[in-house]
Amino acid sequence: MDNSERFFCNKECRYFPCHKGVSEDEFNCLFCYCPLYSMGSDCGGDYVMKNGVKSCIGCIRPHIAANFDEINEALRKHKTVAIRSLESRAHDLVKSD
């Protein structure tokens, strides 16, 4: 696969490949640090909790090139939910004054 705005593979990275389960030719490094991490249990990935910390060592979701659109859609939805939550909190604060 060629590098583009939807796919980037850095085989020169000292951690490459950082996860097992994706072929080197299909391994997408574009989301090197998963943008869905902050969604907690709603990230849709395969994570485990270790000592109260979310570990994504077994998750390959952001490294599969075909998941690009799905991840971007999840980010759009998460952004909308976050904005609504902030608006609601702001409204509650204004009402309480």
PDB file of N, CA and C in Angstrom:
ATOM      1  N   MET A   1       0.840  -1.168   0.000  1.00  0.00           N
ATOM      2  CA  MET A   1       0.000   0.000   0.000  1.00  0.00           C
ATOM      3  C   MET A   1       0.894   1.243   0.000  1.00  0.00           C
ATOM      4  N   ASP A   2       0.526   2.247  -0.765  1.00  0.00           N
ATOM      5  CA  ASP A   2       1.306   3.484  -0.823  1.00  0.00           C
ATOM      6  C   ASP A   2       0.899   4.434   0.291  1.00  0.00           C
ATOM      7  N   ASN A   3       1.859   5.196   0.802  1.00  0.00           N
ATOM      8  CA  ASN A   3       1.558   6.203   1.806  1.00  0.00           C
ATOM      9  C   ASN A   3       0.657   7.276   1.204  1.00  0.00           C
ATOM     10  N   SER A   4      -0.311   7.737   1.987  1.00  0.00           N
ATOM     11  CA  SER A   4      -1.259   8.760   1.538  1.00  0.00           C
ATOM     12  C   SER A   4      -1.856   9.432   2.767  1.00  0.00           C
ATOM     13  N   GLU A   5      -2.904  10.233   2.551  1.00  0.00           N
ATOM     14  CA  GLU A   5      -3.575  10.873   3.688  1.00  0.00           C
ATOM     15  C   GLU A   5      -4.389   9.876   4.508  1.00  0.00           C
ATOM     16  N   ARG A   6      -4.581   8.650   3.996  1.00  0.00           N
ATOM     17  CA  ARG A   6      -5.360   7.621   4.680  1.00  0.00           C
ATOM     18  C   ARG A   6      -4.496   6.472   5.207  1.00  0.00           C
ATOM     19  N   PHE A   7      -3.247   6.454   4.781  1.00  0.00           N
ATOM     20  CA  PHE A   7      -2.374   5.336   5.144  1.00  0.00           C
ATOM     21  C   PHE A   7      -0.933   5.817   5.220  1.00  0.00           C
ATOM     22  N   PHE A   8      -0.243   5.395   6.265  1.00  0.00           N
ATOM     23  CA  PHE A   8       1.175   5.705   6.412  1.00  0.00           C
ATOM     24  C   PHE A   8       1.836   4.553   7.151  1.00  0.00           C
ATOM     25  N   CYS A   9       2.893   4.032   6.590  1.00  0.00           N
ATOM     26  CA  CYS A   9       3.615   2.934   7.227  1.00  0.00           C
ATOM     27  C   CYS A   9       5.066   3.359   7.429  1.00  0.00           C
ATOM     28  N   ASN A  10       5.510   3.313   8.675  1.00  0.00           N
ATOM     29  CA  ASN A  10       6.875   3.702   9.017  1.00  0.00           C
ATOM     30  C   ASN A  10       7.662   2.467   9.448  1.00  0.00           C
ATOM     31  N   LYS A  11       8.170   1.743   8.480  1.00  0.00           N
ATOM     32  CA  LYS A  11       8.931   0.527   8.775  1.00  0.00           C
ATOM     33  C   LYS A  11      10.290   0.834   9.399  1.00  0.00           C
ATOM     34  N   GLU A  12      10.689   2.099   9.386  1.00  0.00           N
ATOM     35  CA  GLU A  12      11.956   2.503   9.992  1.00  0.00           C
ATOM     36  C   GLU A  12      11.814   2.764  11.495  1.00  0.00           C
ATOM     37  N   CYS A  13      10.594   2.810  11.994  1.00  0.00           N
ATOM     38  CA  CYS A  13      10.353   3.056  13.419  1.00  0.00           C
ATOM     39  C   CYS A  13      10.961   1.925  14.242  1.00  0.00           C
ATOM     40  N   ARG A  14      11.607   2.262  15.331  1.00  0.00           N
ATOM     41  CA  ARG A  14      12.253   1.226  16.149  1.00  0.00           C
ATOM     42  C   ARG A  14      11.240   0.302  16.818  1.00  0.00           C
ATOM     43  N   TYR A  15       9.978   0.696  16.864  1.00  0.00           N
ATOM     44  CA  TYR A  15       8.940  -0.135  17.473  1.00  0.00           C
ATOM     45  C   TYR A  15       8.147  -0.944  16.439  1.00  0.00           C
ATOM     46  N   PHE A  16       8.435  -0.745  15.163  1.00  0.00           N
ATOM     47  CA  PHE A  16       7.659  -1.414  14.108  1.00  0.00           C
ATOM     48  C   PHE A  16       7.972  -2.894  14.047  1.00  0.00           C
ATOM     49  N   PRO A  17       6.962  -3.710  13.945  1.00  0.00           N
ATOM     50  CA  PRO A  17       5.546  -3.411  14.191  1.00  0.00           C
ATOM     51  C   PRO A  17       5.262  -3.452  15.692  1.00  0.00           C
ATOM     52  N   CYS A  18       4.460  -2.544  16.156  1.00  0.00           N
ATOM     53  CA  CYS A  18       4.186  -2.449  17.595  1.00  0.00           C
ATOM     54  C   CYS A  18       3.094  -3.414  18.050  1.00  0.00           C
ATOM     55  N   HIS A  19       2.359  -3.984  17.116  1.00  0.00           N
ATOM     56  CA  HIS A  19       1.314  -4.962  17.435  1.00  0.00           C
ATOM     57  C   HIS A  19       1.417  -6.136  16.471  1.00  0.00           C
ATOM     58  N   LYS A  20       1.045  -7.308  16.934  1.00  0.00           N
ATOM     59  CA  LYS A  20       0.994  -8.494  16.078  1.00  0.00           C
ATOM     60  C   LYS A  20      -0.410  -8.614  15.502  1.00  0.00           C
ATOM     61  N   GLY A  21      -0.523  -9.266  14.348  1.00  0.00           N
ATOM     62  CA  GLY A  21      -1.834  -9.547  13.784  1.00  0.00           C
ATOM     63  C   GLY A  21      -2.165  -8.777  12.522  1.00  0.00           C
ATOM     64  N   VAL A  22      -1.258  -7.910  12.074  1.00  0.00           N
ATOM     65  CA  VAL A  22      -1.458  -7.167  10.829  1.00  0.00           C
ATOM     66  C   VAL A  22      -0.194  -7.365  10.000  1.00  0.00           C
ATOM     67  N   SER A  23      -0.369  -7.681   8.714  1.00  0.00           N
ATOM     68  CA  SER A  23       0.811  -7.878   7.870  1.00  0.00           C
ATOM     69  C   SER A  23       1.588  -6.567   7.750  1.00  0.00           C
ATOM     70  N   GLU A  24       2.887  -6.662   7.599  1.00  0.00           N
ATOM     71  CA  GLU A  24       3.723  -5.463   7.516  1.00  0.00           C
ATOM     72  C   GLU A  24       3.329  -4.562   6.358  1.00  0.00           C
ATOM     73  N   ASP A  25       2.880  -5.137   5.251  1.00  0.00           N
ATOM     74  CA  ASP A  25       2.492  -4.336   4.092  1.00  0.00           C
ATOM     75  C   ASP A  25       1.168  -3.609   4.303  1.00  0.00           C
ATOM     76  N   GLU A  26       0.360  -4.076   5.234  1.00  0.00           N
ATOM     77  CA  GLU A  26      -0.950  -3.481   5.505  1.00  0.00           C
ATOM     78  C   GLU A  26      -0.961  -2.689   6.811  1.00  0.00           C
ATOM     79  N   PHE A  27       0.144  -2.651   7.523  1.00  0.00           N
ATOM     80  CA  PHE A  27       0.199  -2.033   8.851  1.00  0.00           C
ATOM     81  C   PHE A  27       0.146  -0.515   8.730  1.00  0.00           C
ATOM     82  N   ASN A  28      -0.919   0.086   9.265  1.00  0.00           N
ATOM     83  CA  ASN A  28      -1.118   1.527   9.177  1.00  0.00           C
ATOM     84  C   ASN A  28      -0.614   2.210  10.449  1.00  0.00           C
ATOM     85  N   CYS A  29       0.391   3.050  10.299  1.00  0.00           N
ATOM     86  CA  CYS A  29       0.961   3.788  11.430  1.00  0.00           C
ATOM     87  C   CYS A  29       0.335   5.177  11.578  1.00  0.00           C
ATOM     88  N   LEU A  30      -0.638   5.500  10.736  1.00  0.00           N
ATOM     89  CA  LEU A  30      -1.245   6.831  10.757  1.00  0.00           C
ATOM     90  C   LEU A  30      -1.776   7.186  12.140  1.00  0.00           C
ATOM     91  N   PHE A  31      -2.417   6.228  12.789  1.00  0.00           N
ATOM     92  CA  PHE A  31      -2.924   6.445  14.144  1.00  0.00           C
ATOM     93  C   PHE A  31      -1.976   5.770  15.140  1.00  0.00           C
ATOM     94  N   CYS A  32      -0.725   6.169  15.120  1.00  0.00           N
ATOM     95  CA  CYS A  32       0.286   5.559  15.985  1.00  0.00           C
ATOM     96  C   CYS A  32      -0.172   5.572  17.441  1.00  0.00           C
ATOM     97  N   TYR A  33      -0.634   6.707  17.906  1.00  0.00           N
ATOM     98  CA  TYR A  33      -1.258   6.808  19.223  1.00  0.00           C
ATOM     99  C   TYR A  33      -2.746   6.869  18.973  1.00  0.00           C
ATOM    100  N   CYS A  34      -3.455   5.882  19.433  1.00  0.00           N
ATOM    101  CA  CYS A  34      -4.869   5.726  19.094  1.00  0.00           C
ATOM    102  C   CYS A  34      -5.698   6.945  19.498  1.00  0.00           C
ATOM    103  N   PRO A  35      -6.379   7.565  18.537  1.00  0.00           N
ATOM    104  CA  PRO A  35      -7.217   8.721  18.860  1.00  0.00           C
ATOM    105  C   PRO A  35      -8.485   8.337  19.618  1.00  0.00           C
ATOM    106  N   LEU A  36      -8.767   7.041  19.715  1.00  0.00           N
ATOM    107  CA  LEU A  36      -9.975   6.583  20.405  1.00  0.00           C
ATOM    108  C   LEU A  36      -9.708   6.246  21.871  1.00  0.00           C
ATOM    109  N   TYR A  37      -8.469   6.314  22.294  1.00  0.00           N
ATOM    110  CA  TYR A  37      -8.092   5.921  23.657  1.00  0.00           C
ATOM    111  C   TYR A  37      -8.929   6.640  24.715  1.00  0.00           C
ATOM    112  N   SER A  38      -9.139   7.926  24.530  1.00  0.00           N
ATOM    113  CA  SER A  38      -9.841   8.724  25.539  1.00  0.00           C
ATOM    114  C   SER A  38     -11.324   8.391  25.644  1.00  0.00           C
ATOM    115  N   MET A  39     -11.839   7.582  24.742  1.00  0.00           N
ATOM    116  CA  MET A  39     -13.251   7.200  24.791  1.00  0.00           C
ATOM    117  C   MET A  39     -13.517   6.123  25.836  1.00  0.00           C
ATOM    118  N   GLY A  40     -12.467   5.636  26.461  1.00  0.00           N
ATOM    119  CA  GLY A  40     -12.642   4.608  27.483  1.00  0.00           C
ATOM    120  C   GLY A  40     -13.229   3.338  26.904  1.00  0.00           C
ATOM    121  N   SER A  41     -14.247   2.808  27.554  1.00  0.00           N
ATOM    122  CA  SER A  41     -14.842   1.542  27.120  1.00  0.00           C
ATOM    123  C   SER A  41     -15.631   1.682  25.825  1.00  0.00           C
ATOM    124  N   ASP A  42     -15.876   2.901  25.362  1.00  0.00           N
ATOM    125  CA  ASP A  42     -16.611   3.126  24.116  1.00  0.00           C
ATOM    126  C   ASP A  42     -15.703   3.185  22.893  1.00  0.00           C
ATOM    127  N   CYS A  43     -14.422   2.883  23.062  1.00  0.00           N
ATOM    128  CA  CYS A  43     -13.477   2.989  21.946  1.00  0.00           C
ATOM    129  C   CYS A  43     -13.721   1.939  20.864  1.00  0.00           C
ATOM    130  N   GLY A  44     -14.325   0.826  21.247  1.00  0.00           N
ATOM    131  CA  GLY A  44     -14.591  -0.226  20.269  1.00  0.00           C
ATOM    132  C   GLY A  44     -13.405  -1.139  20.013  1.00  0.00           C
ATOM    133  N   GLY A  45     -12.330  -0.916  20.721  1.00  0.00           N
ATOM    134  CA  GLY A  45     -11.127  -1.725  20.521  1.00  0.00           C
ATOM    135  C   GLY A  45     -11.032  -2.869  21.505  1.00  0.00           C
ATOM    136  N   ASP A  46      -9.961  -3.607  21.372  1.00  0.00           N
ATOM    137  CA  ASP A  46      -9.707  -4.769  22.219  1.00  0.00           C
ATOM    138  C   ASP A  46      -8.648  -4.390  23.249  1.00  0.00           C
ATOM    139  N   TYR A  47      -9.104  -3.926  24.404  1.00  0.00           N
ATOM    140  CA  TYR A  47      -8.176  -3.487  25.436  1.00  0.00           C
ATOM    141  C   TYR A  47      -8.410  -4.265  26.726  1.00  0.00           C
ATOM    142  N   VAL A  48      -7.477  -4.161  27.635  1.00  0.00           N
ATOM    143  CA  VAL A  48      -7.620  -4.743  28.974  1.00  0.00           C
ATOM    144  C   VAL A  48      -7.218  -3.678  29.985  1.00  0.00           C
ATOM    145  N   MET A  49      -7.740  -3.816  31.183  1.00  0.00           N
ATOM    146  CA  MET A  49      -7.351  -2.917  32.267  1.00  0.00           C
ATOM    147  C   MET A  49      -6.264  -3.610  33.083  1.00  0.00           C
ATOM    148  N   LYS A  50      -5.153  -2.930  33.284  1.00  0.00           N
ATOM    149  CA  LYS A  50      -4.048  -3.452  34.092  1.00  0.00           C
ATOM    150  C   LYS A  50      -3.723  -2.427  35.165  1.00  0.00           C
ATOM    151  N   ASN A  51      -3.979  -2.791  36.404  1.00  0.00           N
ATOM    152  CA  ASN A  51      -3.709  -1.888  37.534  1.00  0.00           C
ATOM    153  C   ASN A  51      -4.376  -0.528  37.350  1.00  0.00           C
ATOM    154  N   GLY A  52      -5.605  -0.542  36.828  1.00  0.00           N
ATOM    155  CA  GLY A  52      -6.353   0.692  36.643  1.00  0.00           C
ATOM    156  C   GLY A  52      -5.974   1.493  35.416  1.00  0.00           C
ATOM    157  N   VAL A  53      -5.119   0.940  34.568  1.00  0.00           N
ATOM    158  CA  VAL A  53      -4.679   1.635  33.361  1.00  0.00           C
ATOM    159  C   VAL A  53      -5.138   0.849  32.139  1.00  0.00           C
ATOM    160  N   LYS A  54      -5.682   1.554  31.172  1.00  0.00           N
ATOM    161  CA  LYS A  54      -6.145   0.933  29.935  1.00  0.00           C
ATOM    162  C   LYS A  54      -4.931   0.529  29.097  1.00  0.00           C
ATOM    163  N   SER A  55      -4.824  -0.761  28.785  1.00  0.00           N
ATOM    164  CA  SER A  55      -3.729  -1.270  27.960  1.00  0.00           C
ATOM    165  C   SER A  55      -4.285  -1.746  26.625  1.00  0.00           C
ATOM    166  N   CYS A  56      -3.757  -1.191  25.558  1.00  0.00           N
ATOM    167  CA  CYS A  56      -4.215  -1.522  24.209  1.00  0.00           C
ATOM    168  C   CYS A  56      -3.198  -2.386  23.469  1.00  0.00           C
ATOM    169  N   ILE A  57      -2.342  -3.055  24.203  1.00  0.00           N
ATOM    170  CA  ILE A  57      -1.266  -3.846  23.609  1.00  0.00           C
ATOM    171  C   ILE A  57      -1.797  -4.899  22.636  1.00  0.00           C
ATOM    172  N   GLY A  58      -2.991  -5.424  22.879  1.00  0.00           N
ATOM    173  CA  GLY A  58      -3.554  -6.445  22.005  1.00  0.00           C
ATOM    174  C   GLY A  58      -4.498  -5.907  20.945  1.00  0.00           C
ATOM    175  N   CYS A  59      -4.628  -4.595  20.850  1.00  0.00           N
ATOM    176  CA  CYS A  59      -5.586  -3.999  19.915  1.00  0.00           C
ATOM    177  C   CYS A  59      -4.900  -3.581  18.615  1.00  0.00           C
ATOM    178  N   ILE A  60      -5.466  -4.013  17.499  1.00  0.00           N
ATOM    179  CA  ILE A  60      -4.910  -3.644  16.195  1.00  0.00           C
ATOM    180  C   ILE A  60      -5.861  -2.748  15.403  1.00  0.00           C
ATOM    181  N   ARG A  61      -6.994  -2.397  15.994  1.00  0.00           N
ATOM    182  CA  ARG A  61      -8.018  -1.622  15.285  1.00  0.00           C
ATOM    183  C   ARG A  61      -7.468  -0.392  14.554  1.00  0.00           C
ATOM    184  N   PRO A  62      -6.687   0.479  15.186  1.00  0.00           N
ATOM    185  CA  PRO A  62      -6.223   1.665  14.463  1.00  0.00           C
ATOM    186  C   PRO A  62      -5.147   1.368  13.422  1.00  0.00           C
ATOM    187  N   HIS A  63      -4.598   0.165  13.427  1.00  0.00           N
ATOM    188  CA  HIS A  63      -3.515  -0.169  12.504  1.00  0.00           C
ATOM    189  C   HIS A  63      -3.989  -0.914  11.261  1.00  0.00           C
ATOM    190  N   ILE A  64      -5.292  -1.133  11.145  1.00  0.00           N
ATOM    191  CA  ILE A  64      -5.858  -1.769   9.954  1.00  0.00           C
ATOM    192  C   ILE A  64      -6.324  -0.659   9.021  1.00  0.00           C
ATOM    193  N   ALA A  65      -5.723  -0.589   7.852  1.00  0.00           N
ATOM    194  CA  ALA A  65      -5.992   0.506   6.919  1.00  0.00           C
ATOM    195  C   ALA A  65      -7.478   0.657   6.599  1.00  0.00           C
ATOM    196  N   ALA A  66      -8.201  -0.438   6.510  1.00  0.00           N
ATOM    197  CA  ALA A  66      -9.624  -0.394   6.156  1.00  0.00           C
ATOM    198  C   ALA A  66     -10.474   0.279   7.236  1.00  0.00           C
ATOM    199  N   ASN A  67      -9.928   0.491   8.429  1.00  0.00           N
ATOM    200  CA  ASN A  67     -10.687   1.101   9.527  1.00  0.00           C
ATOM    201  C   ASN A  67     -10.608   2.627   9.553  1.00  0.00           C
ATOM    202  N   PHE A  68      -9.946   3.228   8.591  1.00  0.00           N
ATOM    203  CA  PHE A  68      -9.757   4.680   8.575  1.00  0.00           C
ATOM    204  C   PHE A  68     -11.081   5.432   8.678  1.00  0.00           C
ATOM    205  N   ASP A  69     -12.041   5.127   7.811  1.00  0.00           N
ATOM    206  CA  ASP A  69     -13.329   5.839   7.817  1.00  0.00           C
ATOM    207  C   ASP A  69     -14.095   5.591   9.109  1.00  0.00           C
ATOM    208  N   GLU A  70     -14.073   4.364   9.584  1.00  0.00           N
ATOM    209  CA  GLU A  70     -14.770   4.005  10.822  1.00  0.00           C
ATOM    210  C   GLU A  70     -14.208   4.788  12.012  1.00  0.00           C
ATOM    211  N   ILE A  71     -12.911   4.918  12.087  1.00  0.00           N
ATOM    212  CA  ILE A  71     -12.285   5.649  13.188  1.00  0.00           C
ATOM    213  C   ILE A  71     -12.621   7.133  13.106  1.00  0.00           C
ATOM    214  N   ASN A  72     -12.583   7.692  11.917  1.00  0.00           N
ATOM    215  CA  ASN A  72     -12.940   9.103  11.766  1.00  0.00           C
ATOM    216  C   ASN A  72     -14.396   9.361  12.124  1.00  0.00           C
ATOM    217  N   GLU A  73     -15.274   8.448  11.779  1.00  0.00           N
ATOM    218  CA  GLU A  73     -16.689   8.593  12.141  1.00  0.00           C
ATOM    219  C   GLU A  73     -16.855   8.518  13.660  1.00  0.00           C
ATOM    220  N   ALA A  74     -16.152   7.612  14.298  1.00  0.00           N
ATOM    221  CA  ALA A  74     -16.211   7.509  15.761  1.00  0.00           C
ATOM    222  C   ALA A  74     -15.716   8.798  16.411  1.00  0.00           C
ATOM    223  N   LEU A  75     -14.683   9.403  15.844  1.00  0.00           N
ATOM    224  CA  LEU A  75     -14.175  10.671  16.378  1.00  0.00           C
ATOM    225  C   LEU A  75     -15.195  11.790  16.218  1.00  0.00           C
ATOM    226  N   ARG A  76     -15.880  11.820  15.065  1.00  0.00           N
ATOM    227  CA  ARG A  76     -16.920  12.839  14.858  1.00  0.00           C
ATOM    228  C   ARG A  76     -18.043  12.682  15.878  1.00  0.00           C
ATOM    229  N   LYS A  77     -18.480  11.444  16.094  1.00  0.00           N
ATOM    230  CA  LYS A  77     -19.550  11.189  17.062  1.00  0.00           C
ATOM    231  C   LYS A  77     -19.102  11.550  18.471  1.00  0.00           C
ATOM    232  N   HIS A  78     -17.881  11.176  18.826  1.00  0.00           N
ATOM    233  CA  HIS A  78     -17.351  11.465  20.161  1.00  0.00           C
ATOM    234  C   HIS A  78     -17.264  12.976  20.381  1.00  0.00           C
ATOM    235  N   LYS A  79     -16.851  13.694  19.355  1.00  0.00           N
ATOM    236  CA  LYS A  79     -16.763  15.154  19.442  1.00  0.00           C
ATOM    237  C   LYS A  79     -18.145  15.747  19.698  1.00  0.00           C
ATOM    238  N   THR A  80     -19.151  15.269  18.981  1.00  0.00           N
ATOM    239  CA  THR A  80     -20.517  15.764  19.154  1.00  0.00           C
ATOM    240  C   THR A  80     -21.014  15.496  20.568  1.00  0.00           C
ATOM    241  N   VAL A  81     -20.776  14.297  21.073  1.00  0.00           N
ATOM    242  CA  VAL A  81     -21.196  13.944  22.433  1.00  0.00           C
ATOM    243  C   VAL A  81     -20.480  14.831  23.449  1.00  0.00           C
ATOM    244  N   ALA A  82     -19.199  15.051  23.262  1.00  0.00           N
ATOM    245  CA  ALA A  82     -18.422  15.879  24.189  1.00  0.00           C
ATOM    246  C   ALA A  82     -18.928  17.317  24.190  1.00  0.00           C
ATOM    247  N   ILE A  83     -19.229  17.848  23.019  1.00  0.00           N
ATOM    248  CA  ILE A  83     -19.737  19.219  22.922  1.00  0.00           C
ATOM    249  C   ILE A  83     -21.083  19.335  23.618  1.00  0.00           C
ATOM    250  N   ARG A  84     -21.975  18.377  23.379  1.00  0.00           N
ATOM    251  CA  ARG A  84     -23.288  18.408  24.041  1.00  0.00           C
ATOM    252  C   ARG A  84     -23.147  18.332  25.555  1.00  0.00           C
ATOM    253  N   SER A  85     -22.237  17.516  26.020  1.00  0.00           N
ATOM    254  CA  SER A  85     -22.011  17.386  27.456  1.00  0.00           C
ATOM    255  C   SER A  85     -21.518  18.708  28.049  1.00  0.00           C
ATOM    256  N   LEU A  86     -20.583  19.345  27.369  1.00  0.00           N
ATOM    257  CA  LEU A  86     -20.071  20.633  27.844  1.00  0.00           C
ATOM    258  C   LEU A  86     -21.158  21.701  27.827  1.00  0.00           C
ATOM    259  N   GLU A  87     -21.977  21.709  26.769  1.00  0.00           N
ATOM    260  CA  GLU A  87     -23.070  22.678  26.691  1.00  0.00           C
ATOM    261  C   GLU A  87     -24.057  22.469  27.828  1.00  0.00           C
ATOM    262  N   SER A  88     -24.355  21.215  28.126  1.00  0.00           N
ATOM    263  CA  SER A  88     -25.282  20.900  29.209  1.00  0.00           C
ATOM    264  C   SER A  88     -24.717  21.348  30.555  1.00  0.00           C
ATOM    265  N   ARG A  89     -23.455  21.092  30.772  1.00  0.00           N
ATOM    266  CA  ARG A  89     -22.821  21.519  32.029  1.00  0.00           C
ATOM    267  C   ARG A  89     -22.812  23.034  32.154  1.00  0.00           C
ATOM    268  N   ALA A  90     -22.506  23.714  31.053  1.00  0.00           N
ATOM    269  CA  ALA A  90     -22.501  25.178  31.068  1.00  0.00           C
ATOM    270  C   ALA A  90     -23.899  25.704  31.374  1.00  0.00           C
ATOM    271  N   HIS A  91     -24.911  25.096  30.771  1.00  0.00           N
ATOM    272  CA  HIS A  91     -26.298  25.494  31.014  1.00  0.00           C
ATOM    273  C   HIS A  91     -26.651  25.305  32.480  1.00  0.00           C
ATOM    274  N   ASP A  92     -26.253  24.175  33.059  1.00  0.00           N
ATOM    275  CA  ASP A  92     -26.524  23.904  34.474  1.00  0.00           C
ATOM    276  C   ASP A  92     -25.820  24.913  35.382  1.00  0.00           C
ATOM    277  N   LEU A  93     -24.600  25.286  35.024  1.00  0.00           N
ATOM    278  CA  LEU A  93     -23.868  26.269  35.825  1.00  0.00           C
ATOM    279  C   LEU A  93     -24.541  27.637  35.777  1.00  0.00           C
ATOM    280  N   VAL A  94     -25.011  28.024  34.609  1.00  0.00           N
ATOM    281  CA  VAL A  94     -25.685  29.310  34.454  1.00  0.00           C
ATOM    282  C   VAL A  94     -26.986  29.316  35.250  1.00  0.00           C
ATOM    283  N   LYS A  95     -27.723  28.208  35.208  1.00  0.00           N
ATOM    284  CA  LYS A  95     -28.983  28.104  35.942  1.00  0.00           C
ATOM    285  C   LYS A  95     -28.765  28.188  37.446  1.00  0.00           C
ATOM    286  N   SER A  96     -27.656  27.663  37.935  1.00  0.00           N
ATOM    287  CA  SER A  96     -27.423  27.619  39.377  1.00  0.00           C
ATOM    288  C   SER A  96     -26.977  28.967  39.943  1.00  0.00           C
ATOM    289  N   ASP A  97     -26.579  29.893  39.077  1.00  0.00           N
ATOM    290  CA  ASP A  97     -26.137  31.218  39.568  1.00  0.00           C
ATOM    291  C   ASP A  97     -27.274  32.110  39.861  1.00  0.00           C
TER     292      ASP A  97
END
